[in-house]
Amino acid sequence: MAEVLRVEDLRVYYHTEAGPVKAVNGVSFALKPGERFGLVGESGSGKSTIALALLRLIRPPGRIEGGAIYLDGVNLVTLDEEEMRRLRLARISLVAQGAMNSLNPVKRIGEQIELALRDHGVQMSRIEFDRYVAELLQRVGLRPEVAKMFPHELSGGMKQRVCTAIAISLEPQVIVADEPTSALDVVVQWQVIDTLRRVQEELGAAVILIGHDMGLMAQTVDRIGVMYAGKLVEIAPTRELFREPLHPYTQLLIASLPSLDGKGELRGIPGLPPSLLNPPPGCPFHPRCPFVMERCRVEEPVLREVLPGHWVACHLH
């Protein structure tokens, strides 16, 4: 099956007086139509920077330093700002982290959806706009009356569904969801994820779901990419990753999940993520790794396919 999105050697740096912070440093992956791909990792691993880079929303002092982002064969990195503006929402869209910050507090919901459509050249009569906005809201499980409400009148889960409605309004090929359930309670999290999954299946779109909740990812996505210190350290189908995680960092992430099977001691990951301004030599995980070898301290491992569809960057494999 042809790929709808391919990221090749993407590098995004934030430039500071002390030097470049390498937030994303050589990331590559591909996405098939209709696929759900999860990106997980600790805070600061580069997940949200990838989301912004895919939509060319990196702003100074950040900059895309190199690499390519192919959407249906078109390299988004080479497009000018107007060409990219036309592709956003129409071909690739973002469900941002923190819905309240994504919505205009002084405009009604219906106006905001209509503005997004008009900005991309959609021409409809007043009745047609109202009908289409009502249909969009119903697709994400909201009543049509929500169109007349302001963001402050909605709950967190309702605001997140409005953001999803805007993201699917032009039926894009790729939806990037950057921690869409952060700051929501557990029940609402599942409602939002279920809504996203349902509308994604209706559209046949591919989804990149970004987060740090491994339990949520396990039941939502088809494949998982594990981020650490601005790099992908493991990519595998979800079931295979949980059944046989190969990278020590992935193993520790999964081991830190609480279990309902029996009582036990919660295990964390020792140490802290490295500075992206001055990362350690060799493997960036070696200061925290329980299986560290001398080679790990001096030679950085390369992401390679060690089993069919299972990629890992580790000297153990």
C-alpha atoms as a PDB file:
ATOM      1  CA  MET A   1       0.000   0.000   0.000  1.00  0.00           C
ATOM      2  CA  ALA A   2       1.322   3.468  -0.939  1.00  0.00           C
ATOM      3  CA  GLU A   3       2.401   5.767   1.880  1.00  0.00           C
ATOM      4  CA  VAL A   4       0.410   8.932   2.498  1.00  0.00           C
ATOM      5  CA  LEU A   5       3.161  10.507   4.630  1.00  0.00           C
ATOM      6  CA  ARG A   6       6.917   9.909   4.750  1.00  0.00           C
ATOM      7  CA  VAL A   7       9.306  11.728   7.082  1.00  0.00           C
ATOM      8  CA  GLU A   8      13.003  11.440   6.223  1.00  0.00           C
ATOM      9  CA  ASP A   9      15.851  12.507   8.540  1.00  0.00           C
ATOM     10  CA  LEU A  10      13.847  15.386  10.051  1.00  0.00           C
ATOM     11  CA  ARG A  11      15.911  17.773  12.186  1.00  0.00           C
ATOM     12  CA  VAL A  12      14.445  20.668  14.174  1.00  0.00           C
ATOM     13  CA  TYR A  13      16.705  22.834  16.344  1.00  0.00           C
ATOM     14  CA  TYR A  14      15.895  25.697  18.721  1.00  0.00           C
ATOM     15  CA  HIS A  15      18.711  28.236  18.604  1.00  0.00           C
ATOM     16  CA  THR A  16      19.831  29.761  21.914  1.00  0.00           C
ATOM     17  CA  GLU A  17      22.813  31.840  23.042  1.00  0.00           C
ATOM     18  CA  ALA A  18      24.322  28.677  24.508  1.00  0.00           C
ATOM     19  CA  GLY A  19      23.949  26.803  21.204  1.00  0.00           C
ATOM     20  CA  PRO A  20      21.326  24.771  19.295  1.00  0.00           C
ATOM     21  CA  VAL A  21      18.856  22.639  21.250  1.00  0.00           C
ATOM     22  CA  LYS A  22      18.379  19.583  19.019  1.00  0.00           C
ATOM     23  CA  ALA A  23      14.718  18.891  19.801  1.00  0.00           C
ATOM     24  CA  VAL A  24      14.297  16.537  16.815  1.00  0.00           C
ATOM     25  CA  ASN A  25      17.509  15.068  15.482  1.00  0.00           C
ATOM     26  CA  GLY A  26      17.233  12.729  12.505  1.00  0.00           C
ATOM     27  CA  VAL A  27      13.726  11.239  12.750  1.00  0.00           C
ATOM     28  CA  SER A  28      12.331   9.057   9.933  1.00  0.00           C
ATOM     29  CA  PHE A  29       9.025   7.171   9.676  1.00  0.00           C
ATOM     30  CA  ALA A  30       6.197   6.515   7.214  1.00  0.00           C
ATOM     31  CA  LEU A  31       2.419   6.378   7.477  1.00  0.00           C
ATOM     32  CA  LYS A  32      -0.053   4.382   5.381  1.00  0.00           C
ATOM     33  CA  PRO A  33      -3.588   5.599   4.524  1.00  0.00           C
ATOM     34  CA  GLY A  34      -6.008   4.829   7.361  1.00  0.00           C
ATOM     35  CA  GLU A  35      -3.209   3.880   9.773  1.00  0.00           C
ATOM     36  CA  ARG A  36      -3.041   5.026  13.407  1.00  0.00           C
ATOM     37  CA  PHE A  37       0.554   5.685  14.471  1.00  0.00           C
ATOM     38  CA  GLY A  38       1.449   6.579  18.055  1.00  0.00           C
ATOM     39  CA  LEU A  39       4.438   8.627  19.202  1.00  0.00           C
ATOM     40  CA  VAL A  40       5.304   8.158  22.884  1.00  0.00           C
ATOM     41  CA  GLY A  41       8.055   9.293  25.204  1.00  0.00           C
ATOM     42  CA  GLU A  42       8.805  11.429  28.227  1.00  0.00           C
ATOM     43  CA  SER A  43       8.212  15.192  28.230  1.00  0.00           C
ATOM     44  CA  GLY A  44      10.905  16.938  26.218  1.00  0.00           C
ATOM     45  CA  SER A  45      11.605  13.987  23.932  1.00  0.00           C
ATOM     46  CA  GLY A  46      10.569  15.924  20.797  1.00  0.00           C
ATOM     47  CA  LYS A  47       7.050  14.590  20.186  1.00  0.00           C
ATOM     48  CA  SER A  48       5.211  17.940  20.016  1.00  0.00           C
ATOM     49  CA  THR A  49       8.028  19.482  17.980  1.00  0.00           C
ATOM     50  CA  ILE A  50       7.447  16.776  15.360  1.00  0.00           C
ATOM     51  CA  ALA A  51       3.722  17.636  15.330  1.00  0.00           C
ATOM     52  CA  LEU A  52       4.442  21.331  14.720  1.00  0.00           C
ATOM     53  CA  ALA A  53       7.106  20.523  12.121  1.00  0.00           C
ATOM     54  CA  LEU A  54       4.704  18.328  10.118  1.00  0.00           C
ATOM     55  CA  LEU A  55       2.407  21.336   9.708  1.00  0.00           C
ATOM     56  CA  ARG A  56       5.316  23.778   9.259  1.00  0.00           C
ATOM     57  CA  LEU A  57       4.317  25.655  12.413  1.00  0.00           C
ATOM     58  CA  ILE A  58       7.820  25.877  13.917  1.00  0.00           C
ATOM     59  CA  ARG A  59       8.569  29.514  14.761  1.00  0.00           C
ATOM     60  CA  PRO A  60      11.829  31.281  15.756  1.00  0.00           C
ATOM     61  CA  PRO A  61      14.031  30.539  17.591  1.00  0.00           C
ATOM     62  CA  GLY A  62      13.049  27.104  16.239  1.00  0.00           C
ATOM     63  CA  ARG A  63      13.889  26.093  12.690  1.00  0.00           C
ATOM     64  CA  ILE A  64      13.639  23.011  10.483  1.00  0.00           C
ATOM     65  CA  GLU A  65      17.337  22.403   9.853  1.00  0.00           C
ATOM     66  CA  GLY A  66      17.039  19.536   7.414  1.00  0.00           C
ATOM     67  CA  GLY A  67      15.186  16.483   6.206  1.00  0.00           C
ATOM     68  CA  ALA A  68      12.013  16.053   4.196  1.00  0.00           C
ATOM     69  CA  ILE A  69       8.282  15.639   4.896  1.00  0.00           C
ATOM     70  CA  TYR A  70       6.510  14.055   1.927  1.00  0.00           C
ATOM     71  CA  LEU A  71       2.713  14.293   1.871  1.00  0.00           C
ATOM     72  CA  ASP A  72       1.450  12.329  -1.152  1.00  0.00           C
ATOM     73  CA  GLY A  73       4.821  12.866  -2.810  1.00  0.00           C
ATOM     74  CA  VAL A  74       4.973  16.632  -2.141  1.00  0.00           C
ATOM     75  CA  ASN A  75       7.859  17.796   0.085  1.00  0.00           C
ATOM     76  CA  LEU A  76       6.236  20.183   2.576  1.00  0.00           C
ATOM     77  CA  VAL A  77       9.627  21.551   3.667  1.00  0.00           C
ATOM     78  CA  THR A  78      10.184  23.150   0.233  1.00  0.00           C
ATOM     79  CA  LEU A  79       6.771  24.876  -0.044  1.00  0.00           C
ATOM     80  CA  ASP A  80       6.400  28.610   0.509  1.00  0.00           C
ATOM     81  CA  GLU A  81       4.166  29.880   3.313  1.00  0.00           C
ATOM     82  CA  GLU A  82       1.081  30.475   1.122  1.00  0.00           C
ATOM     83  CA  GLU A  83       1.284  27.018  -0.468  1.00  0.00           C
ATOM     84  CA  MET A  84       1.604  25.476   3.001  1.00  0.00           C
ATOM     85  CA  ARG A  85      -1.303  27.524   4.363  1.00  0.00           C
ATOM     86  CA  ARG A  86      -3.563  26.086   1.646  1.00  0.00           C
ATOM     87  CA  LEU A  87      -2.516  22.516   2.534  1.00  0.00           C
ATOM     88  CA  ARG A  88      -3.087  22.911   6.284  1.00  0.00           C
ATOM     89  CA  LEU A  89      -6.557  21.687   7.251  1.00  0.00           C
ATOM     90  CA  ALA A  90      -7.282  20.648   3.650  1.00  0.00           C
ATOM     91  CA  ARG A  91      -4.681  17.835   3.427  1.00  0.00           C
ATOM     92  CA  ILE A  92      -3.064  17.694   6.887  1.00  0.00           C
ATOM     93  CA  SER A  93      -4.624  19.017  10.089  1.00  0.00           C
ATOM     94  CA  LEU A  94      -3.783  19.375  13.780  1.00  0.00           C
ATOM     95  CA  VAL A  95      -5.782  18.657  16.917  1.00  0.00           C
ATOM     96  CA  ALA A  96      -3.681  20.752  19.268  1.00  0.00           C
ATOM     97  CA  GLN A  97      -2.755  20.139  22.876  1.00  0.00           C
ATOM     98  CA  GLY A  98      -4.949  22.289  25.128  1.00  0.00           C
ATOM     99  CA  ALA A  99      -8.228  22.953  23.306  1.00  0.00           C
ATOM    100  CA  MET A 100      -8.948  26.164  25.234  1.00  0.00           C
ATOM    101  CA  ASN A 101      -5.838  27.785  23.755  1.00  0.00           C
ATOM    102  CA  SER A 102      -6.835  26.674  20.252  1.00  0.00           C
ATOM    103  CA  LEU A 103     -10.240  28.377  20.235  1.00  0.00           C
ATOM    104  CA  ASN A 104     -10.973  32.110  20.018  1.00  0.00           C
ATOM    105  CA  PRO A 105     -12.667  33.015  23.330  1.00  0.00           C
ATOM    106  CA  VAL A 106     -14.738  35.873  21.824  1.00  0.00           C
ATOM    107  CA  LYS A 107     -16.174  34.037  18.809  1.00  0.00           C
ATOM    108  CA  ARG A 108     -18.979  31.504  18.774  1.00  0.00           C
ATOM    109  CA  ILE A 109     -18.093  27.931  17.803  1.00  0.00           C
ATOM    110  CA  GLY A 110     -20.024  28.054  14.533  1.00  0.00           C
ATOM    111  CA  GLU A 111     -18.223  31.232  13.472  1.00  0.00           C
ATOM    112  CA  GLN A 112     -14.838  29.633  14.109  1.00  0.00           C
ATOM    113  CA  ILE A 113     -15.644  26.557  12.022  1.00  0.00           C
ATOM    114  CA  GLU A 114     -17.065  28.752   9.242  1.00  0.00           C
ATOM    115  CA  LEU A 115     -13.961  30.976   9.289  1.00  0.00           C
ATOM    116  CA  ALA A 116     -11.707  27.939   8.778  1.00  0.00           C
ATOM    117  CA  LEU A 117     -13.809  26.834   5.796  1.00  0.00           C
ATOM    118  CA  ARG A 118     -13.974  30.303   4.192  1.00  0.00           C
ATOM    119  CA  ASP A 119     -10.206  30.730   4.628  1.00  0.00           C
ATOM    120  CA  HIS A 120      -9.768  27.725   2.331  1.00  0.00           C
ATOM    121  CA  GLY A 121     -12.111  29.044  -0.343  1.00  0.00           C
ATOM    122  CA  VAL A 122     -15.272  27.125   0.579  1.00  0.00           C
ATOM    123  CA  GLN A 123     -18.274  29.015  -0.789  1.00  0.00           C
ATOM    124  CA  MET A 124     -21.723  28.231   0.638  1.00  0.00           C
ATOM    125  CA  SER A 125     -24.942  30.049   1.363  1.00  0.00           C
ATOM    126  CA  ARG A 126     -25.821  30.952   4.958  1.00  0.00           C
ATOM    127  CA  ILE A 127     -28.211  27.990   5.194  1.00  0.00           C
ATOM    128  CA  GLU A 128     -25.623  25.588   3.722  1.00  0.00           C
ATOM    129  CA  PHE A 129     -22.944  26.757   6.169  1.00  0.00           C
ATOM    130  CA  ASP A 130     -25.275  26.319   9.141  1.00  0.00           C
ATOM    131  CA  ARG A 131     -26.266  22.853   7.950  1.00  0.00           C
ATOM    132  CA  TYR A 132     -22.648  21.760   7.366  1.00  0.00           C
ATOM    133  CA  VAL A 133     -21.485  23.071  10.768  1.00  0.00           C
ATOM    134  CA  ALA A 134     -24.358  21.194  12.446  1.00  0.00           C
ATOM    135  CA  GLU A 135     -23.359  17.990  10.615  1.00  0.00           C
ATOM    136  CA  LEU A 136     -19.723  18.388  11.670  1.00  0.00           C
ATOM    137  CA  LEU A 137     -20.699  18.858  15.313  1.00  0.00           C
ATOM    138  CA  GLN A 138     -22.978  15.807  15.202  1.00  0.00           C
ATOM    139  CA  ARG A 139     -20.136  13.720  13.723  1.00  0.00           C
ATOM    140  CA  VAL A 140     -18.072  14.404  16.839  1.00  0.00           C
ATOM    141  CA  GLY A 141     -20.973  13.751  19.211  1.00  0.00           C
ATOM    142  CA  LEU A 142     -22.081  17.340  19.903  1.00  0.00           C
ATOM    143  CA  ARG A 143     -25.528  18.891  19.579  1.00  0.00           C
ATOM    144  CA  PRO A 144     -26.055  21.419  16.727  1.00  0.00           C
ATOM    145  CA  GLU A 145     -26.855  24.102  19.346  1.00  0.00           C
ATOM    146  CA  VAL A 146     -23.173  24.103  20.346  1.00  0.00           C
ATOM    147  CA  ALA A 147     -22.544  26.233  17.215  1.00  0.00           C
ATOM    148  CA  LYS A 148     -24.162  29.209  18.973  1.00  0.00           C
ATOM    149  CA  MET A 149     -22.083  28.834  22.158  1.00  0.00           C
ATOM    150  CA  PHE A 150     -18.782  30.417  23.210  1.00  0.00           C
ATOM    151  CA  PRO A 151     -15.779  28.245  24.215  1.00  0.00           C
ATOM    152  CA  HIS A 152     -16.107  29.166  27.921  1.00  0.00           C
ATOM    153  CA  GLU A 153     -19.592  27.621  27.944  1.00  0.00           C
ATOM    154  CA  LEU A 154     -18.215  24.180  27.024  1.00  0.00           C
ATOM    155  CA  SER A 155     -16.523  21.515  29.137  1.00  0.00           C
ATOM    156  CA  GLY A 156     -12.944  20.430  28.392  1.00  0.00           C
ATOM    157  CA  GLY A 157     -14.122  17.345  26.531  1.00  0.00           C
ATOM    158  CA  MET A 158     -16.596  19.351  24.437  1.00  0.00           C
ATOM    159  CA  LYS A 159     -13.899  21.877  23.496  1.00  0.00           C
ATOM    160  CA  GLN A 160     -11.617  19.036  22.407  1.00  0.00           C
ATOM    161  CA  ARG A 161     -14.417  17.641  20.224  1.00  0.00           C
ATOM    162  CA  VAL A 162     -14.880  21.080  18.647  1.00  0.00           C
ATOM    163  CA  CYS A 163     -11.155  21.082  17.786  1.00  0.00           C
ATOM    164  CA  THR A 164     -11.628  17.629  16.237  1.00  0.00           C
ATOM    165  CA  ALA A 165     -14.611  18.929  14.221  1.00  0.00           C
ATOM    166  CA  ILE A 166     -12.463  21.772  12.853  1.00  0.00           C
ATOM    167  CA  ALA A 167      -9.620  19.344  12.083  1.00  0.00           C
ATOM    168  CA  ILE A 168     -11.895  17.107   9.949  1.00  0.00           C
ATOM    169  CA  SER A 169     -13.911  19.916   8.364  1.00  0.00           C
ATOM    170  CA  LEU A 170     -12.118  19.625   4.994  1.00  0.00           C
ATOM    171  CA  GLU A 171     -11.595  15.850   5.204  1.00  0.00           C
ATOM    172  CA  PRO A 172      -7.760  15.808   5.325  1.00  0.00           C
ATOM    173  CA  GLN A 173      -5.615  12.773   4.541  1.00  0.00           C
ATOM    174  CA  VAL A 174      -3.578  13.063   7.766  1.00  0.00           C
ATOM    175  CA  ILE A 175      -4.706  14.171  11.239  1.00  0.00           C
ATOM    176  CA  VAL A 176      -2.015  14.972  13.821  1.00  0.00           C
ATOM    177  CA  ALA A 177      -3.410  14.753  17.364  1.00  0.00           C
ATOM    178  CA  ASP A 178      -0.944  16.243  19.868  1.00  0.00           C
ATOM    179  CA  GLU A 179      -1.867  14.906  23.319  1.00  0.00           C
ATOM    180  CA  PRO A 180      -5.597  15.542  22.705  1.00  0.00           C
ATOM    181  CA  THR A 181      -6.554  14.063  26.097  1.00  0.00           C
ATOM    182  CA  SER A 182      -4.165  15.989  28.349  1.00  0.00           C
ATOM    183  CA  ALA A 183      -5.902  17.658  31.329  1.00  0.00           C
ATOM    184  CA  LEU A 184      -9.060  15.575  30.802  1.00  0.00           C
ATOM    185  CA  ASP A 185     -10.390  13.011  33.269  1.00  0.00           C
ATOM    186  CA  VAL A 186     -10.182   9.327  32.380  1.00  0.00           C
ATOM    187  CA  VAL A 187     -13.789   8.883  31.223  1.00  0.00           C
ATOM    188  CA  VAL A 188     -13.648  11.969  28.988  1.00  0.00           C
ATOM    189  CA  GLN A 189     -10.273  10.841  27.616  1.00  0.00           C
ATOM    190  CA  TRP A 190     -11.843   7.681  26.258  1.00  0.00           C
ATOM    191  CA  GLN A 191     -14.788   9.609  24.811  1.00  0.00           C
ATOM    192  CA  VAL A 192     -12.434  11.965  22.959  1.00  0.00           C
ATOM    193  CA  ILE A 193     -10.235   9.097  21.682  1.00  0.00           C
ATOM    194  CA  ASP A 194     -13.312   7.116  20.599  1.00  0.00           C
ATOM    195  CA  THR A 195     -14.625  10.184  18.742  1.00  0.00           C
ATOM    196  CA  LEU A 196     -11.287  10.678  16.983  1.00  0.00           C
ATOM    197  CA  ARG A 197     -11.116   6.998  16.033  1.00  0.00           C
ATOM    198  CA  ARG A 198     -14.683   6.974  14.687  1.00  0.00           C
ATOM    199  CA  VAL A 199     -14.325  10.078  12.485  1.00  0.00           C
ATOM    200  CA  GLN A 200     -10.912   8.895  11.287  1.00  0.00           C
ATOM    201  CA  GLU A 201     -12.442   5.615  10.113  1.00  0.00           C
ATOM    202  CA  GLU A 202     -15.283   7.484   8.380  1.00  0.00           C
ATOM    203  CA  LEU A 203     -12.786   9.654   6.475  1.00  0.00           C
ATOM    204  CA  GLY A 204     -10.227   6.913   5.854  1.00  0.00           C
ATOM    205  CA  ALA A 205      -7.585   9.351   7.126  1.00  0.00           C
ATOM    206  CA  ALA A 206      -4.296   8.443   8.771  1.00  0.00           C
ATOM    207  CA  VAL A 207      -3.722   9.617  12.356  1.00  0.00           C
ATOM    208  CA  ILE A 208      -0.562  10.408  14.287  1.00  0.00           C
ATOM    209  CA  LEU A 209      -1.467  10.261  17.978  1.00  0.00           C
ATOM    210  CA  ILE A 210       1.097  11.881  20.266  1.00  0.00           C
ATOM    211  CA  GLY A 211       1.152  11.252  24.016  1.00  0.00           C
ATOM    212  CA  HIS A 212       2.903   9.640  26.950  1.00  0.00           C
ATOM    213  CA  ASP A 213       0.129   7.314  28.140  1.00  0.00           C
ATOM    214  CA  MET A 214       1.296   3.860  27.043  1.00  0.00           C
ATOM    215  CA  GLY A 215      -1.961   2.283  28.274  1.00  0.00           C
ATOM    216  CA  LEU A 216      -4.039   4.567  26.055  1.00  0.00           C
ATOM    217  CA  MET A 217      -1.744   3.922  23.085  1.00  0.00           C
ATOM    218  CA  ALA A 218      -1.961   0.150  23.576  1.00  0.00           C
ATOM    219  CA  GLN A 219      -5.697   0.206  22.907  1.00  0.00           C
ATOM    220  CA  THR A 220      -5.770   2.918  20.235  1.00  0.00           C
ATOM    221  CA  VAL A 221      -2.981   2.753  17.631  1.00  0.00           C
ATOM    222  CA  ASP A 222      -1.724   0.188  15.097  1.00  0.00           C
ATOM    223  CA  ARG A 223       1.985   0.993  15.466  1.00  0.00           C
ATOM    224  CA  ILE A 224       4.049   2.828  18.061  1.00  0.00           C
ATOM    225  CA  GLY A 225       7.204   4.882  17.725  1.00  0.00           C
ATOM    226  CA  VAL A 226       9.143   5.456  20.964  1.00  0.00           C
ATOM    227  CA  MET A 227      10.947   8.815  21.206  1.00  0.00           C
ATOM    228  CA  TYR A 228      13.954   9.550  23.405  1.00  0.00           C
ATOM    229  CA  ALA A 229      16.136  12.683  23.379  1.00  0.00           C
ATOM    230  CA  GLY A 230      14.907  13.853  19.968  1.00  0.00           C
ATOM    231  CA  LYS A 231      15.283  10.473  18.251  1.00  0.00           C
ATOM    232  CA  LEU A 232      13.151   7.422  17.503  1.00  0.00           C
ATOM    233  CA  VAL A 233      14.633   4.491  19.421  1.00  0.00           C
ATOM    234  CA  GLU A 234      12.031   1.836  18.530  1.00  0.00           C
ATOM    235  CA  ILE A 235       9.153   1.382  16.051  1.00  0.00           C
ATOM    236  CA  ALA A 236       6.925  -1.708  16.006  1.00  0.00           C
ATOM    237  CA  PRO A 237       3.326  -2.897  15.658  1.00  0.00           C
ATOM    238  CA  THR A 238       1.558  -2.226  18.957  1.00  0.00           C
ATOM    239  CA  ARG A 239       0.977  -5.836  20.011  1.00  0.00           C
ATOM    240  CA  GLU A 240       4.522  -6.836  19.153  1.00  0.00           C
ATOM    241  CA  LEU A 241       5.972  -3.863  21.028  1.00  0.00           C
ATOM    242  CA  PHE A 242       4.131  -4.804  24.219  1.00  0.00           C
ATOM    243  CA  ARG A 243       4.800  -8.511  23.809  1.00  0.00           C
ATOM    244  CA  GLU A 244       8.508  -8.149  23.055  1.00  0.00           C
ATOM    245  CA  PRO A 245       9.947  -4.641  23.614  1.00  0.00           C
ATOM    246  CA  LEU A 246      13.574  -4.616  22.479  1.00  0.00           C
ATOM    247  CA  HIS A 247      14.949  -1.250  23.587  1.00  0.00           C
ATOM    248  CA  PRO A 248      15.694  -0.957  27.334  1.00  0.00           C
ATOM    249  CA  TYR A 249      13.891   2.395  27.441  1.00  0.00           C
ATOM    250  CA  THR A 250      10.747   0.841  25.946  1.00  0.00           C
ATOM    251  CA  GLN A 251      10.998  -2.044  28.417  1.00  0.00           C
ATOM    252  CA  LEU A 252      11.175   0.382  31.344  1.00  0.00           C
ATOM    253  CA  LEU A 253       8.280   2.474  29.988  1.00  0.00           C
ATOM    254  CA  ILE A 254       6.064  -0.614  29.792  1.00  0.00           C
ATOM    255  CA  ALA A 255       7.250  -1.894  33.189  1.00  0.00           C
ATOM    256  CA  SER A 256       6.206   1.422  34.757  1.00  0.00           C
ATOM    257  CA  LEU A 257       2.550   0.791  33.844  1.00  0.00           C
ATOM    258  CA  PRO A 258       0.371  -0.254  36.810  1.00  0.00           C
ATOM    259  CA  SER A 259      -1.169  -3.731  36.561  1.00  0.00           C
ATOM    260  CA  LEU A 260      -4.555  -5.026  37.735  1.00  0.00           C
ATOM    261  CA  ASP A 261      -3.306  -8.637  37.779  1.00  0.00           C
ATOM    262  CA  GLY A 262      -1.884  -8.420  41.263  1.00  0.00           C
ATOM    263  CA  LYS A 263      -0.167  -6.268  43.834  1.00  0.00           C
ATOM    264  CA  GLY A 264       3.326  -5.134  43.068  1.00  0.00           C
ATOM    265  CA  GLU A 265       5.761  -2.303  43.399  1.00  0.00           C
ATOM    266  CA  LEU A 266       5.521   0.513  40.865  1.00  0.00           C
ATOM    267  CA  ARG A 267       8.789   0.847  38.965  1.00  0.00           C
ATOM    268  CA  GLY A 268      10.068   4.120  37.594  1.00  0.00           C
ATOM    269  CA  ILE A 269      12.935   4.898  35.226  1.00  0.00           C
ATOM    270  CA  PRO A 270      16.052   5.980  37.142  1.00  0.00           C
ATOM    271  CA  GLY A 271      17.725   9.301  36.339  1.00  0.00           C
ATOM    272  CA  LEU A 272      16.546  12.138  34.118  1.00  0.00           C
ATOM    273  CA  PRO A 273      16.362  12.659  30.332  1.00  0.00           C
ATOM    274  CA  PRO A 274      19.571  14.207  28.952  1.00  0.00           C
ATOM    275  CA  SER A 275      20.021  17.840  27.987  1.00  0.00           C
ATOM    276  CA  LEU A 276      19.273  18.339  24.286  1.00  0.00           C
ATOM    277  CA  LEU A 277      21.761  21.216  24.340  1.00  0.00           C
ATOM    278  CA  ASN A 278      24.654  19.004  25.467  1.00  0.00           C
ATOM    279  CA  PRO A 279      23.616  15.355  25.009  1.00  0.00           C
ATOM    280  CA  PRO A 280      25.948  12.629  26.273  1.00  0.00           C
ATOM    281  CA  PRO A 281      28.269  10.903  23.773  1.00  0.00           C
ATOM    282  CA  GLY A 282      27.269   7.550  22.342  1.00  0.00           C
ATOM    283  CA  CYS A 283      23.762   6.286  23.032  1.00  0.00           C
ATOM    284  CA  PRO A 284      21.724   9.107  24.664  1.00  0.00           C
ATOM    285  CA  PHE A 285      20.076   6.559  26.990  1.00  0.00           C
ATOM    286  CA  HIS A 286      23.309   4.998  28.279  1.00  0.00           C
ATOM    287  CA  PRO A 287      23.474   7.004  31.587  1.00  0.00           C
ATOM    288  CA  ARG A 288      20.107   5.463  32.613  1.00  0.00           C
ATOM    289  CA  CYS A 289      20.341   2.058  30.927  1.00  0.00           C
ATOM    290  CA  PRO A 290      20.522  -1.087  33.103  1.00  0.00           C
ATOM    291  CA  PHE A 291      22.300  -2.976  30.289  1.00  0.00           C
ATOM    292  CA  VAL A 292      24.915  -0.355  29.380  1.00  0.00           C
ATOM    293  CA  MET A 293      28.119  -1.603  27.711  1.00  0.00           C
ATOM    294  CA  GLU A 294      31.355   0.239  27.024  1.00  0.00           C
ATOM    295  CA  ARG A 295      30.389   0.526  23.362  1.00  0.00           C
ATOM    296  CA  CYS A 296      27.212   2.406  24.330  1.00  0.00           C
ATOM    297  CA  ARG A 297      29.257   5.227  25.907  1.00  0.00           C
ATOM    298  CA  VAL A 298      31.113   6.078  22.701  1.00  0.00           C
ATOM    299  CA  GLU A 299      29.111   4.834  19.688  1.00  0.00           C
ATOM    300  CA  GLU A 300      25.589   5.981  18.893  1.00  0.00           C
ATOM    301  CA  PRO A 301      23.341   3.105  17.708  1.00  0.00           C
ATOM    302  CA  VAL A 302      21.513   3.371  14.383  1.00  0.00           C
ATOM    303  CA  LEU A 303      17.796   2.633  14.007  1.00  0.00           C
ATOM    304  CA  ARG A 304      17.629  -0.643  12.043  1.00  0.00           C
ATOM    305  CA  GLU A 305      15.042  -3.312  11.244  1.00  0.00           C
ATOM    306  CA  VAL A 306      15.852  -6.371  13.373  1.00  0.00           C
ATOM    307  CA  LEU A 307      12.529  -8.199  12.842  1.00  0.00           C
ATOM    308  CA  PRO A 308       9.948  -7.678  10.060  1.00  0.00           C
ATOM    309  CA  GLY A 309       8.397  -4.253  10.793  1.00  0.00           C
ATOM    310  CA  HIS A 310      10.273  -3.952  14.111  1.00  0.00           C
ATOM    311  CA  TRP A 311      12.990  -1.281  14.219  1.00  0.00           C
ATOM    312  CA  VAL A 312      15.290  -0.537  17.148  1.00  0.00           C
ATOM    313  CA  ALA A 313      18.341   1.637  17.867  1.00  0.00           C
ATOM    314  CA  CYS A 314      20.294  -0.390  20.418  1.00  0.00           C
ATOM    315  CA  HIS A 315      23.694  -2.157  20.483  1.00  0.00           C
ATOM    316  CA  LEU A 316      22.059  -5.129  22.224  1.00  0.00           C
ATOM    317  CA  HIS A 317      20.348  -5.973  18.924  1.00  0.00           C
END
